[in-house]
Structures are given as C-alpha cells and as structure tokens.
Amino acid sequence: MGRDYYAILGLSRSAKIADIVKQYRKLSLKFHPQKNVGNNTAIETFKQVSEAYDILSDPRKRATYDQFGEEGLKNGVPDGLEKSGAWTEGYTFHGDAEAVFSNFYGGENPFRENYEGDKQMGFGGLTGRGAQKKDPPIERELALSLEEVYHGCTKKMKISRRVMNEDGHTSSIRDKILTITVKKGWKAGTQITFPNEGDQGPNNVPADIVFIVKDKTHPRFRREGTNLIYTAHIPLGKALTGSIIEIITLDERKLHIPINDIVKPGYTKLVPKEGMPLPADPTTKGDLIIEFHIEFPTTLTPDRKELVRRALPQ
C-alpha cells in the first residue's frame, strides 16, 4: 500500500500548501538531530518528515502521489496513464534530510528563534547565526501642501514590496495601499510608522516603513513651527505713508491688514491666531507674521527728487 506521506506530516489529503509548510516547520524542529542527539527514532522520523515535505510541497510530485500512490511515484507512471500534471519518471528521494532542512530555512539557524535560551545550539557551524534580524526602517517622504496640513486629509500611499508565497520558499512583488490620516497641524518631520511592511523573507523580520512629513513649497506662505510667514511686497512710498495688505488665507478667507507704522528693514506685523492649527489642540492656532520686502524705485525724475528732499529731513 505504501507510505502515507500526509499521515507522516499529520495532515489530510485536502491540506493546502500553507498547511504543509507549517507542519514541516513544526515537525522538522521537533525531530531535528541536533535536538535529539542519540535518539534514533526521532532521527528516522526527521528523515521521513523531510521526504514527505519534499514530495507534497512539489505540485507535480504531489499530483503523481495523490493519483498513483508511493509505488506509482517511485516506479514511474506507465505511458498513457499520467493525469493532473503527473510525471512519468520515477522519483527517488535524495536522502539528504539536512539539505531539505537547510533549503527550507535558507541555510540559517532556526533554533535561536524557536527555542529561546538554547544559546549554545549551532547550525551550519555558526552559533546563533540564524536569529531572525529585523531590517532597518525604510524612510519615505510624505510631501504635503500647507492646505492639507491646515485642514487635515487622508493620503493613500502605494508601496511595492516582496512577499513570501504560500510555499514558504519563493516570493513575488506585490503592491499594497497604505492609508495615512493626516491630522491638522502636523509639523514637518512628523513620522508615521507602518510596522513590518517592508520586504518579507524566510529569515528576516520585515522592516518598518516610515513616512516623514515634508512641506511642499507654497506660493504665499512658509511655516515656522505653528506660525505662518507671509512676505508682502510694498513700494517705498507705501512703506513710508502706510497701506493695507490683503492676504488670502489657507481656508480662502480674505484678510485686510492695515499698516500704519513706517515700514523699515526688519519690520514685521503679527496677526494673532491666523497661523497653523496646533497638533495637540487644532482649535488653537499659531500666528500669522507679515514680513516686508520694500521695493525701491529704480529711477527718479529731478522733480520727484526735489519733492523727496522737501518731504524728508536732510
């Protein structure tokens, strides 16, 4: 009747590839010779488990075994009887259970992860070599307009990452959408972390993906902390005699700010509570600070020069 490879792994014939991988991982660790020194029964079981996995994890071998049993698998299927992708050449297990084990874990030592405290257990000649390591964070820029930060918004960020397939050995590149809820007032440099969303591998903990907020260049404002900075361009005459500055805010309101002081280099005008929302309390806002760029005339007629002389003390 032949061996029941499903029974060796403790599975039913309807088992999926993920179940086969899971059971092999469990049983290979349990019966590995390094964990069962001198236990011949366990070592023999380890070999059987390895052979069962070698067959059932391969779709063509499994198809042959399911249809024709161990005899058909190992002796070959007679011409004209092959079905469901079954092959006709006889299968012979290479007999190297350690090779199956090593290939499964990518040559690394799984014992440190699965048997914590067994610090002296070596694999492949290097003690503790197979401890799963976490890749360093992957940093990405999240460029936001001041309007997006002012109002808050939702951003959908598409990432491409390597994902392990169900067989536990191969991987493929797949896209994923990460959703970021931008809160009002988030400062430049704010970090949003998505744990373990980096590339997957058989022997690594995927890296975190970290999005770092950066301000997009704005046509009217720049921000410093919670304050908005606006630069008003005014001619020299208005700098000396006064003016009204019109500013369109981030929420599309129009502010009319009277400037009655003489505007000289370095002069600023503060408008309270017209800045960015505070992240901790979006109902509270920073200030709007108006800086001035004084535009001097490039030329003056003699008559105008005389008027300036009369108006200003010499």
C-alpha atoms as a PDB file:
ATOM      1  CA  MET A   1       0.000   0.000   0.000  1.00  0.00           C
ATOM      2  CA  GLY A   2       2.956   2.314   0.547  1.00  0.00           C
ATOM      3  CA  ARG A   3       3.628   5.110   2.980  1.00  0.00           C
ATOM      4  CA  ASP A   4       1.078   7.767   3.768  1.00  0.00           C
ATOM      5  CA  TYR A   5       3.050  10.986   3.454  1.00  0.00           C
ATOM      6  CA  TYR A   6       0.064  13.031   4.596  1.00  0.00           C
ATOM      7  CA  ALA A   7      -0.100  10.990   7.817  1.00  0.00           C
ATOM      8  CA  ILE A   8       3.629  11.488   8.385  1.00  0.00           C
ATOM      9  CA  LEU A   9       3.023  15.245   8.440  1.00  0.00           C
ATOM     10  CA  GLY A  10      -0.230  14.864  10.365  1.00  0.00           C
ATOM     11  CA  LEU A  11      -2.334  16.251   7.523  1.00  0.00           C
ATOM     12  CA  SER A  12      -5.379  15.328   5.497  1.00  0.00           C
ATOM     13  CA  ARG A  13      -5.272  14.955   1.724  1.00  0.00           C
ATOM     14  CA  SER A  14      -7.079  18.262   1.351  1.00  0.00           C
ATOM     15  CA  ALA A  15      -4.225  20.136   3.046  1.00  0.00           C
ATOM     16  CA  LYS A  16      -3.151  23.396   1.395  1.00  0.00           C
ATOM     17  CA  ILE A  17       0.477  24.276   0.706  1.00  0.00           C
ATOM     18  CA  ALA A  18       0.453  26.655   3.687  1.00  0.00           C
ATOM     19  CA  ASP A  19      -0.560  23.730   5.944  1.00  0.00           C
ATOM     20  CA  ILE A  20       2.235  21.582   4.541  1.00  0.00           C
ATOM     21  CA  VAL A  21       4.805  24.312   5.140  1.00  0.00           C
ATOM     22  CA  LYS A  22       3.514  24.925   8.669  1.00  0.00           C
ATOM     23  CA  GLN A  23       3.638  21.240   9.626  1.00  0.00           C
ATOM     24  CA  TYR A  24       7.087  20.708   8.173  1.00  0.00           C
ATOM     25  CA  ARG A  25       8.393  23.690  10.102  1.00  0.00           C
ATOM     26  CA  LYS A  26       6.897  22.319  13.315  1.00  0.00           C
ATOM     27  CA  LEU A  27       7.986  18.684  12.894  1.00  0.00           C
ATOM     28  CA  SER A  28      11.430  19.362  11.468  1.00  0.00           C
ATOM     29  CA  LEU A  29      12.278  21.467  14.504  1.00  0.00           C
ATOM     30  CA  LYS A  30      10.822  18.885  16.864  1.00  0.00           C
ATOM     31  CA  PHE A  31      12.713  15.893  15.436  1.00  0.00           C
ATOM     32  CA  HIS A  32      15.908  17.540  14.202  1.00  0.00           C
ATOM     33  CA  PRO A  33      19.015  15.512  15.171  1.00  0.00           C
ATOM     34  CA  GLN A  34      20.533  18.495  16.989  1.00  0.00           C
ATOM     35  CA  LYS A  35      17.563  18.462  19.316  1.00  0.00           C
ATOM     36  CA  ASN A  36      17.531  14.669  19.655  1.00  0.00           C
ATOM     37  CA  VAL A  37      21.143  13.552  19.994  1.00  0.00           C
ATOM     38  CA  GLY A  38      21.267   9.747  20.267  1.00  0.00           C
ATOM     39  CA  ASN A  39      17.527   9.334  19.654  1.00  0.00           C
ATOM     40  CA  ASN A  40      17.454   7.118  16.569  1.00  0.00           C
ATOM     41  CA  THR A  41      13.649   7.056  16.417  1.00  0.00           C
ATOM     42  CA  ALA A  42      13.481  10.852  16.264  1.00  0.00           C
ATOM     43  CA  ILE A  43      16.247  10.969  13.652  1.00  0.00           C
ATOM     44  CA  GLU A  44      14.392   8.456  11.466  1.00  0.00           C
ATOM     45  CA  THR A  45      11.185  10.467  11.859  1.00  0.00           C
ATOM     46  CA  PHE A  46      13.109  13.585  10.797  1.00  0.00           C
ATOM     47  CA  LYS A  47      14.114  11.816   7.577  1.00  0.00           C
ATOM     48  CA  GLN A  48      10.536  10.703   6.881  1.00  0.00           C
ATOM     49  CA  VAL A  49       9.193  14.191   7.524  1.00  0.00           C
ATOM     50  CA  SER A  50      11.777  15.634   5.125  1.00  0.00           C
ATOM     51  CA  GLU A  51      10.860  13.171   2.388  1.00  0.00           C
ATOM     52  CA  ALA A  52       7.138  13.807   2.893  1.00  0.00           C
ATOM     53  CA  TYR A  53       7.703  17.542   2.608  1.00  0.00           C
ATOM     54  CA  ASP A  54       9.908  17.126  -0.474  1.00  0.00           C
ATOM     55  CA  ILE A  55       7.043  15.313  -2.195  1.00  0.00           C
ATOM     56  CA  LEU A  56       3.968  17.189  -1.008  1.00  0.00           C
ATOM     57  CA  SER A  57       5.438  20.677  -1.449  1.00  0.00           C
ATOM     58  CA  ASP A  58       6.044  19.993  -5.146  1.00  0.00           C
ATOM     59  CA  PRO A  59       2.783  20.182  -7.176  1.00  0.00           C
ATOM     60  CA  ARG A  60       3.898  17.593  -9.783  1.00  0.00           C
ATOM     61  CA  LYS A  61       5.189  15.069  -7.252  1.00  0.00           C
ATOM     62  CA  ARG A  62       2.085  15.534  -5.143  1.00  0.00           C
ATOM     63  CA  ALA A  63      -0.205  15.082  -8.150  1.00  0.00           C
ATOM     64  CA  THR A  64       1.528  11.812  -9.022  1.00  0.00           C
ATOM     65  CA  TYR A  65       1.410  10.562  -5.448  1.00  0.00           C
ATOM     66  CA  ASP A  66      -2.255  11.507  -4.994  1.00  0.00           C
ATOM     67  CA  GLN A  67      -3.247   9.565  -8.086  1.00  0.00           C
ATOM     68  CA  PHE A  68      -0.882   6.589  -8.101  1.00  0.00           C
ATOM     69  CA  GLY A  69       0.437   6.338  -4.532  1.00  0.00           C
ATOM     70  CA  GLU A  70       4.032   5.746  -3.449  1.00  0.00           C
ATOM     71  CA  GLU A  71       4.541   2.915  -5.947  1.00  0.00           C
ATOM     72  CA  GLY A  72       3.480   4.986  -8.915  1.00  0.00           C
ATOM     73  CA  LEU A  73       5.516   7.919  -7.692  1.00  0.00           C
ATOM     74  CA  LYS A  74       8.746   5.967  -7.276  1.00  0.00           C
ATOM     75  CA  ASN A  75       8.408   3.497 -10.154  1.00  0.00           C
ATOM     76  CA  GLY A  76       7.054   5.978 -12.657  1.00  0.00           C
ATOM     77  CA  VAL A  77       3.648   6.219 -14.267  1.00  0.00           C
ATOM     78  CA  PRO A  78       3.076   3.959 -17.313  1.00  0.00           C
ATOM     79  CA  ASP A  79       2.666   5.770 -20.598  1.00  0.00           C
ATOM     80  CA  GLY A  80      -0.861   6.994 -21.211  1.00  0.00           C
ATOM     81  CA  LEU A  81      -1.878   6.984 -17.543  1.00  0.00           C
ATOM     82  CA  GLU A  82      -0.446  10.290 -16.432  1.00  0.00           C
ATOM     83  CA  LYS A  83      -3.071  12.842 -15.387  1.00  0.00           C
ATOM     84  CA  SER A  84      -3.322  16.121 -13.478  1.00  0.00           C
ATOM     85  CA  GLY A  85       0.228  17.121 -14.298  1.00  0.00           C
ATOM     86  CA  ALA A  86       1.702  13.844 -13.018  1.00  0.00           C
ATOM     87  CA  TRP A  87       5.122  12.892 -14.323  1.00  0.00           C
ATOM     88  CA  THR A  88       6.272   9.590 -15.824  1.00  0.00           C
ATOM     89  CA  GLU A  89       9.816   9.354 -14.473  1.00  0.00           C
ATOM     90  CA  GLY A  90      10.345   7.555 -11.173  1.00  0.00           C
ATOM     91  CA  TYR A  91      11.033   9.623  -8.077  1.00  0.00           C
ATOM     92  CA  THR A  92      13.899   8.858  -5.720  1.00  0.00           C
ATOM     93  CA  PHE A  93      14.382  10.851  -2.551  1.00  0.00           C
ATOM     94  CA  HIS A  94      17.956  12.117  -2.486  1.00  0.00           C
ATOM     95  CA  GLY A  95      18.149  11.014   1.146  1.00  0.00           C
ATOM     96  CA  ASP A  96      19.640  14.257   2.453  1.00  0.00           C
ATOM     97  CA  ALA A  97      17.144  15.395   5.070  1.00  0.00           C
ATOM     98  CA  GLU A  98      19.576  18.093   6.221  1.00  0.00           C
ATOM     99  CA  ALA A  99      19.577  19.575   2.704  1.00  0.00           C
ATOM    100  CA  VAL A 100      15.768  19.858   2.769  1.00  0.00           C
ATOM    101  CA  PHE A 101      16.001  21.473   6.198  1.00  0.00           C
ATOM    102  CA  SER A 102      18.755  23.871   5.163  1.00  0.00           C
ATOM    103  CA  ASN A 103      16.955  24.910   1.956  1.00  0.00           C
ATOM    104  CA  PHE A 104      13.746  25.493   3.892  1.00  0.00           C
ATOM    105  CA  TYR A 105      15.469  27.900   6.288  1.00  0.00           C
ATOM    106  CA  GLY A 106      17.787  29.399   3.724  1.00  0.00           C
ATOM    107  CA  GLY A 107      20.846  27.935   5.448  1.00  0.00           C
ATOM    108  CA  GLU A 108      20.125  29.814   8.676  1.00  0.00           C
ATOM    109  CA  ASN A 109      19.753  28.554  12.239  1.00  0.00           C
ATOM    110  CA  PRO A 110      16.082  28.484  13.275  1.00  0.00           C
ATOM    111  CA  PHE A 111      16.723  27.181  16.783  1.00  0.00           C
ATOM    112  CA  ARG A 112      17.555  30.509  18.359  1.00  0.00           C
ATOM    113  CA  GLU A 113      14.166  31.879  17.342  1.00  0.00           C
ATOM    114  CA  ASN A 114      12.111  28.799  18.243  1.00  0.00           C
ATOM    115  CA  TYR A 115      13.969  27.570  21.313  1.00  0.00           C
ATOM    116  CA  GLU A 116      14.830  30.680  23.282  1.00  0.00           C
ATOM    117  CA  GLY A 117      17.535  30.107  25.810  1.00  0.00           C
ATOM    118  CA  ASP A 118      19.310  27.395  23.817  1.00  0.00           C
ATOM    119  CA  LYS A 119      22.207  29.728  23.174  1.00  0.00           C
ATOM    120  CA  GLN A 120      24.788  27.025  22.569  1.00  0.00           C
ATOM    121  CA  MET A 121      22.893  25.266  19.772  1.00  0.00           C
ATOM    122  CA  GLY A 122      24.734  25.773  16.498  1.00  0.00           C
ATOM    123  CA  PHE A 123      23.727  25.224  12.900  1.00  0.00           C
ATOM    124  CA  GLY A 124      25.876  25.356   9.840  1.00  0.00           C
ATOM    125  CA  GLY A 125      28.920  25.763  12.083  1.00  0.00           C
ATOM    126  CA  LEU A 126      27.991  29.183  13.492  1.00  0.00           C
ATOM    127  CA  THR A 127      26.310  29.513  16.878  1.00  0.00           C
ATOM    128  CA  GLY A 128      23.196  31.694  16.764  1.00  0.00           C
ATOM    129  CA  ARG A 129      23.749  32.573  13.115  1.00  0.00           C
ATOM    130  CA  GLY A 130      20.113  32.099  12.207  1.00  0.00           C
ATOM    131  CA  ALA A 131      18.490  34.512  14.641  1.00  0.00           C
ATOM    132  CA  GLN A 132      15.950  36.484  12.688  1.00  0.00           C
ATOM    133  CA  LYS A 133      17.094  40.038  12.215  1.00  0.00           C
ATOM    134  CA  LYS A 134      14.884  42.992  11.519  1.00  0.00           C
ATOM    135  CA  ASP A 135      15.821  45.103   8.548  1.00  0.00           C
ATOM    136  CA  PRO A 136      16.438  48.822   9.214  1.00  0.00           C
ATOM    137  CA  PRO A 137      13.458  51.144   8.690  1.00  0.00           C
ATOM    138  CA  ILE A 138      12.646  52.265   5.175  1.00  0.00           C
ATOM    139  CA  GLU A 139      12.115  56.028   5.144  1.00  0.00           C
ATOM    140  CA  ARG A 140       9.907  57.713   2.580  1.00  0.00           C
ATOM    141  CA  GLU A 141       8.951  61.335   2.113  1.00  0.00           C
ATOM    142  CA  LEU A 142       5.355  62.414   2.611  1.00  0.00           C
ATOM    143  CA  ALA A 143       5.110  65.780   0.857  1.00  0.00           C
ATOM    144  CA  LEU A 144       2.049  67.753   1.979  1.00  0.00           C
ATOM    145  CA  SER A 145       0.718  71.131   0.964  1.00  0.00           C
ATOM    146  CA  LEU A 146       0.041  73.649   3.716  1.00  0.00           C
ATOM    147  CA  GLU A 147      -3.663  73.371   2.884  1.00  0.00           C
ATOM    148  CA  GLU A 148      -3.581  69.618   3.517  1.00  0.00           C
ATOM    149  CA  VAL A 149      -1.922  70.137   6.875  1.00  0.00           C
ATOM    150  CA  TYR A 150      -4.193  73.045   7.751  1.00  0.00           C
ATOM    151  CA  HIS A 151      -7.417  71.133   7.093  1.00  0.00           C
ATOM    152  CA  GLY A 152      -6.231  67.554   7.653  1.00  0.00           C
ATOM    153  CA  CYS A 153      -6.717  64.925   4.957  1.00  0.00           C
ATOM    154  CA  THR A 154      -6.342  61.276   4.031  1.00  0.00           C
ATOM    155  CA  LYS A 155      -3.461  60.128   1.846  1.00  0.00           C
ATOM    156  CA  LYS A 156      -3.266  56.807   0.008  1.00  0.00           C
ATOM    157  CA  MET A 157       0.327  55.674  -0.480  1.00  0.00           C
ATOM    158  CA  LYS A 158       1.097  52.753  -2.790  1.00  0.00           C
ATOM    159  CA  ILE A 159       4.124  50.649  -1.917  1.00  0.00           C
ATOM    160  CA  SER A 160       5.666  47.704  -3.725  1.00  0.00           C
ATOM    161  CA  ARG A 161       7.208  45.031  -1.547  1.00  0.00           C
ATOM    162  CA  ARG A 162       8.460  41.468  -1.769  1.00  0.00           C
ATOM    163  CA  VAL A 163       6.003  38.997  -0.210  1.00  0.00           C
ATOM    164  CA  MET A 164       6.610  35.323   0.548  1.00  0.00           C
ATOM    165  CA  ASN A 165       4.398  32.918  -1.362  1.00  0.00           C
ATOM    166  CA  GLU A 166       2.440  30.146   0.320  1.00  0.00           C
ATOM    167  CA  ASP A 167       5.167  27.581  -0.342  1.00  0.00           C
ATOM    168  CA  GLY A 168       7.417  29.386   2.142  1.00  0.00           C
ATOM    169  CA  HIS A 169      10.339  29.403  -0.318  1.00  0.00           C
ATOM    170  CA  THR A 170       9.555  31.696  -3.213  1.00  0.00           C
ATOM    171  CA  SER A 171       8.470  35.316  -3.195  1.00  0.00           C
ATOM    172  CA  SER A 172       6.865  37.838  -5.510  1.00  0.00           C
ATOM    173  CA  ILE A 173       6.475  41.606  -5.770  1.00  0.00           C
ATOM    174  CA  ARG A 174       3.048  42.867  -4.799  1.00  0.00           C
ATOM    175  CA  ASP A 175       1.565  46.332  -4.393  1.00  0.00           C
ATOM    176  CA  LYS A 176      -0.194  47.485  -1.256  1.00  0.00           C
ATOM    177  CA  ILE A 177      -2.040  50.672  -0.394  1.00  0.00           C
ATOM    178  CA  LEU A 178      -1.234  52.254   2.964  1.00  0.00           C
ATOM    179  CA  THR A 179      -3.686  54.808   4.333  1.00  0.00           C
ATOM    180  CA  ILE A 180      -2.397  57.806   6.264  1.00  0.00           C
ATOM    181  CA  THR A 181      -4.811  60.038   8.144  1.00  0.00           C
ATOM    182  CA  VAL A 182      -3.093  63.425   8.212  1.00  0.00           C
ATOM    183  CA  LYS A 183      -4.039  65.318  11.346  1.00  0.00           C
ATOM    184  CA  LYS A 184      -4.412  69.080  11.410  1.00  0.00           C
ATOM    185  CA  GLY A 185      -1.199  70.897  12.178  1.00  0.00           C
ATOM    186  CA  TRP A 186       1.235  68.043  11.710  1.00  0.00           C
ATOM    187  CA  LYS A 187       4.698  69.571  11.731  1.00  0.00           C
ATOM    188  CA  ALA A 188       7.376  68.944   9.144  1.00  0.00           C
ATOM    189  CA  GLY A 189       9.433  66.000  10.336  1.00  0.00           C
ATOM    190  CA  THR A 190       6.450  64.154  11.833  1.00  0.00           C
ATOM    191  CA  GLN A 191       6.962  60.418  11.349  1.00  0.00           C
ATOM    192  CA  ILE A 192       4.227  57.898  10.578  1.00  0.00           C
ATOM    193  CA  THR A 193       5.336  54.282  11.038  1.00  0.00           C
ATOM    194  CA  PHE A 194       3.824  51.182   9.473  1.00  0.00           C
ATOM    195  CA  PRO A 195       5.373  48.225  11.326  1.00  0.00           C
ATOM    196  CA  ASN A 196       6.727  45.256   9.356  1.00  0.00           C
ATOM    197  CA  GLU A 197       5.533  46.435   5.933  1.00  0.00           C
ATOM    198  CA  GLY A 198       8.907  46.038   4.210  1.00  0.00           C
ATOM    199  CA  ASP A 199      10.139  43.128   2.112  1.00  0.00           C
ATOM    200  CA  GLN A 200       9.440  39.686   3.513  1.00  0.00           C
ATOM    201  CA  GLY A 201      11.981  36.872   3.551  1.00  0.00           C
ATOM    202  CA  PRO A 202      12.257  33.392   5.072  1.00  0.00           C
ATOM    203  CA  ASN A 203      14.809  34.531   7.652  1.00  0.00           C
ATOM    204  CA  ASN A 204      14.122  38.188   8.319  1.00  0.00           C
ATOM    205  CA  VAL A 205      11.607  40.330  10.145  1.00  0.00           C
ATOM    206  CA  PRO A 206      10.302  42.844   7.578  1.00  0.00           C
ATOM    207  CA  ALA A 207      11.409  46.416   8.068  1.00  0.00           C
ATOM    208  CA  ASP A 208       9.094  49.166   9.252  1.00  0.00           C
ATOM    209  CA  ILE A 209       8.113  51.734   6.640  1.00  0.00           C
ATOM    210  CA  VAL A 210       8.358  55.273   7.971  1.00  0.00           C
ATOM    211  CA  PHE A 211       6.801  58.244   6.199  1.00  0.00           C
ATOM    212  CA  ILE A 212       8.297  61.619   7.119  1.00  0.00           C
ATOM    213  CA  VAL A 213       6.226  64.761   6.618  1.00  0.00           C
ATOM    214  CA  LYS A 214       7.745  67.466   4.431  1.00  0.00           C
ATOM    215  CA  ASP A 215       6.157  70.779   3.478  1.00  0.00           C
ATOM    216  CA  LYS A 216       5.589  71.433  -0.201  1.00  0.00           C
ATOM    217  CA  THR A 217       6.631  74.871  -1.397  1.00  0.00           C
ATOM    218  CA  HIS A 218       3.674  77.231  -1.111  1.00  0.00           C
ATOM    219  CA  PRO A 219       3.076  80.263  -3.349  1.00  0.00           C
ATOM    220  CA  ARG A 220       2.091  82.555  -0.455  1.00  0.00           C
ATOM    221  CA  PHE A 221       3.275  81.156   2.870  1.00  0.00           C
ATOM    222  CA  ARG A 222       6.003  79.277   4.589  1.00  0.00           C
ATOM    223  CA  ARG A 223       5.686  77.992   8.110  1.00  0.00           C
ATOM    224  CA  GLU A 224       7.904  78.124  11.135  1.00  0.00           C
ATOM    225  CA  GLY A 225       6.546  75.909  13.885  1.00  0.00           C
ATOM    226  CA  THR A 226       2.883  76.825  14.230  1.00  0.00           C
ATOM    227  CA  ASN A 227       3.320  80.279  12.677  1.00  0.00           C
ATOM    228  CA  LEU A 228       2.720  81.182   9.038  1.00  0.00           C
ATOM    229  CA  ILE A 229       5.076  83.646   7.412  1.00  0.00           C
ATOM    230  CA  TYR A 230       3.848  85.908   4.624  1.00  0.00           C
ATOM    231  CA  THR A 231       6.072  88.295   2.662  1.00  0.00           C
ATOM    232  CA  ALA A 232       4.353  91.497   1.495  1.00  0.00           C
ATOM    233  CA  HIS A 233       5.927  93.439  -1.345  1.00  0.00           C
ATOM    234  CA  ILE A 234       5.247  97.174  -0.982  1.00  0.00           C
ATOM    235  CA  PRO A 235       6.684 100.210  -2.743  1.00  0.00           C
ATOM    236  CA  LEU A 236       8.792 102.673  -0.765  1.00  0.00           C
ATOM    237  CA  GLY A 237       6.033 105.283  -0.786  1.00  0.00           C
ATOM    238  CA  LYS A 238       3.585 102.981   0.996  1.00  0.00           C
ATOM    239  CA  ALA A 239       6.301 101.804   3.348  1.00  0.00           C
ATOM    240  CA  LEU A 240       6.604 105.419   4.497  1.00  0.00           C
ATOM    241  CA  THR A 241       2.976 106.503   4.379  1.00  0.00           C
ATOM    242  CA  GLY A 242       1.019 103.354   5.274  1.00  0.00           C
ATOM    243  CA  SER A 243      -1.012 100.780   3.375  1.00  0.00           C
ATOM    244  CA  ILE A 244      -3.484  97.924   3.658  1.00  0.00           C
ATOM    245  CA  ILE A 245      -2.182  94.419   2.992  1.00  0.00           C
ATOM    246  CA  GLU A 246      -4.644  91.901   1.531  1.00  0.00           C
ATOM    247  CA  ILE A 247      -3.905  88.260   2.313  1.00  0.00           C
ATOM    248  CA  ILE A 248      -5.861  85.186   1.179  1.00  0.00           C
ATOM    249  CA  THR A 249      -5.701  82.606   3.971  1.00  0.00           C
ATOM    250  CA  LEU A 250      -5.326  78.829   3.618  1.00  0.00           C
ATOM    251  CA  ASP A 251      -9.085  78.465   4.064  1.00  0.00           C
ATOM    252  CA  GLU A 252      -9.744  81.054   1.340  1.00  0.00           C
ATOM    253  CA  ARG A 253     -10.711  83.981   3.573  1.00  0.00           C
ATOM    254  CA  LYS A 254      -9.511  87.499   2.748  1.00  0.00           C
ATOM    255  CA  LEU A 255      -7.725  89.437   5.463  1.00  0.00           C
ATOM    256  CA  HIS A 256      -7.209  93.196   5.167  1.00  0.00           C
ATOM    257  CA  ILE A 257      -4.386  94.200   7.499  1.00  0.00           C
ATOM    258  CA  PRO A 258      -3.805  97.952   7.956  1.00  0.00           C
ATOM    259  CA  ILE A 259      -0.175  99.024   8.214  1.00  0.00           C
ATOM    260  CA  ASN A 260       0.055 102.421   9.861  1.00  0.00           C
ATOM    261  CA  ASP A 261       3.642 102.257  11.034  1.00  0.00           C
ATOM    262  CA  ILE A 262       6.609 103.239   8.925  1.00  0.00           C
ATOM    263  CA  VAL A 263       7.909 100.020   7.417  1.00  0.00           C
ATOM    264  CA  LYS A 264      11.667  99.853   7.697  1.00  0.00           C
ATOM    265  CA  PRO A 265      14.059  96.926   7.135  1.00  0.00           C
ATOM    266  CA  GLY A 266      13.340  94.165   9.656  1.00  0.00           C
ATOM    267  CA  TYR A 267       9.832  95.393  10.478  1.00  0.00           C
ATOM    268  CA  THR A 268       7.171  92.683  10.933  1.00  0.00           C
ATOM    269  CA  LYS A 269       3.457  92.725  11.657  1.00  0.00           C
ATOM    270  CA  LEU A 270       1.893  89.976  13.813  1.00  0.00           C
ATOM    271  CA  VAL A 271      -1.691  88.887  13.252  1.00  0.00           C
ATOM    272  CA  PRO A 272      -2.763  86.664  16.172  1.00  0.00           C
ATOM    273  CA  LYS A 273      -4.333  83.232  15.682  1.00  0.00           C
ATOM    274  CA  GLU A 274      -4.140  83.160  11.891  1.00  0.00           C
ATOM    275  CA  GLY A 275      -1.401  80.566  11.721  1.00  0.00           C
ATOM    276  CA  MET A 276      -1.435  76.759  11.637  1.00  0.00           C
ATOM    277  CA  PRO A 277      -3.541  74.594  13.980  1.00  0.00           C
ATOM    278  CA  LEU A 278      -1.709  73.097  16.938  1.00  0.00           C
ATOM    279  CA  PRO A 279      -1.492  69.289  16.570  1.00  0.00           C
ATOM    280  CA  ALA A 280      -2.436  68.778  20.229  1.00  0.00           C
ATOM    281  CA  ASP A 281      -5.396  71.186  20.020  1.00  0.00           C
ATOM    282  CA  PRO A 282      -6.478  72.034  16.454  1.00  0.00           C
ATOM    283  CA  THR A 283      -8.942  74.654  17.765  1.00  0.00           C
ATOM    284  CA  THR A 284      -5.944  76.756  18.770  1.00  0.00           C
ATOM    285  CA  LYS A 285      -3.784  78.316  16.086  1.00  0.00           C
ATOM    286  CA  GLY A 286      -0.402  79.933  15.833  1.00  0.00           C
ATOM    287  CA  ASP A 287       0.098  83.435  14.468  1.00  0.00           C
ATOM    288  CA  LEU A 288       0.466  84.986  11.045  1.00  0.00           C
ATOM    289  CA  ILE A 289       3.640  87.034  10.725  1.00  0.00           C
ATOM    290  CA  ILE A 290       3.929  89.505   7.878  1.00  0.00           C
ATOM    291  CA  GLU A 291       7.418  90.302   6.668  1.00  0.00           C
ATOM    292  CA  PHE A 292       8.024  93.119   4.220  1.00  0.00           C
ATOM    293  CA  HIS A 293      10.047  93.499   1.078  1.00  0.00           C
ATOM    294  CA  ILE A 294      10.403  97.212   0.296  1.00  0.00           C
ATOM    295  CA  GLU A 295      10.567  97.955  -3.412  1.00  0.00           C
ATOM    296  CA  PHE A 296      12.692 100.992  -4.106  1.00  0.00           C
ATOM    297  CA  PRO A 297      12.230 102.975  -7.323  1.00  0.00           C
ATOM    298  CA  THR A 298      14.887 102.370  -9.953  1.00  0.00           C
ATOM    299  CA  THR A 299      14.876 105.985 -11.137  1.00  0.00           C
ATOM    300  CA  LEU A 300      13.510 109.395 -10.019  1.00  0.00           C
ATOM    301  CA  THR A 301      12.968 112.479 -12.114  1.00  0.00           C
ATOM    302  CA  PRO A 302      14.546 115.709 -10.902  1.00  0.00           C
ATOM    303  CA  ASP A 303      11.132 116.980  -9.833  1.00  0.00           C
ATOM    304  CA  ARG A 304      10.459 113.899  -7.707  1.00  0.00           C
ATOM    305  CA  LYS A 305      13.881 114.085  -6.144  1.00  0.00           C
ATOM    306  CA  GLU A 306      13.110 117.659  -5.157  1.00  0.00           C
ATOM    307  CA  LEU A 307       9.827 116.586  -3.600  1.00  0.00           C
ATOM    308  CA  VAL A 308      11.637 113.917  -1.592  1.00  0.00           C
ATOM    309  CA  ARG A 309      14.169 116.475  -0.384  1.00  0.00           C
ATOM    310  CA  ARG A 310      11.380 118.728   0.814  1.00  0.00           C
ATOM    311  CA  ALA A 311       9.443 115.889   2.473  1.00  0.00           C
ATOM    312  CA  LEU A 312      12.346 114.263   4.253  1.00  0.00           C
ATOM    313  CA  PRO A 313      14.864 115.901   6.519  1.00  0.00           C
ATOM    314  CA  GLN A 314      18.344 116.099   5.012  1.00  0.00           C
END
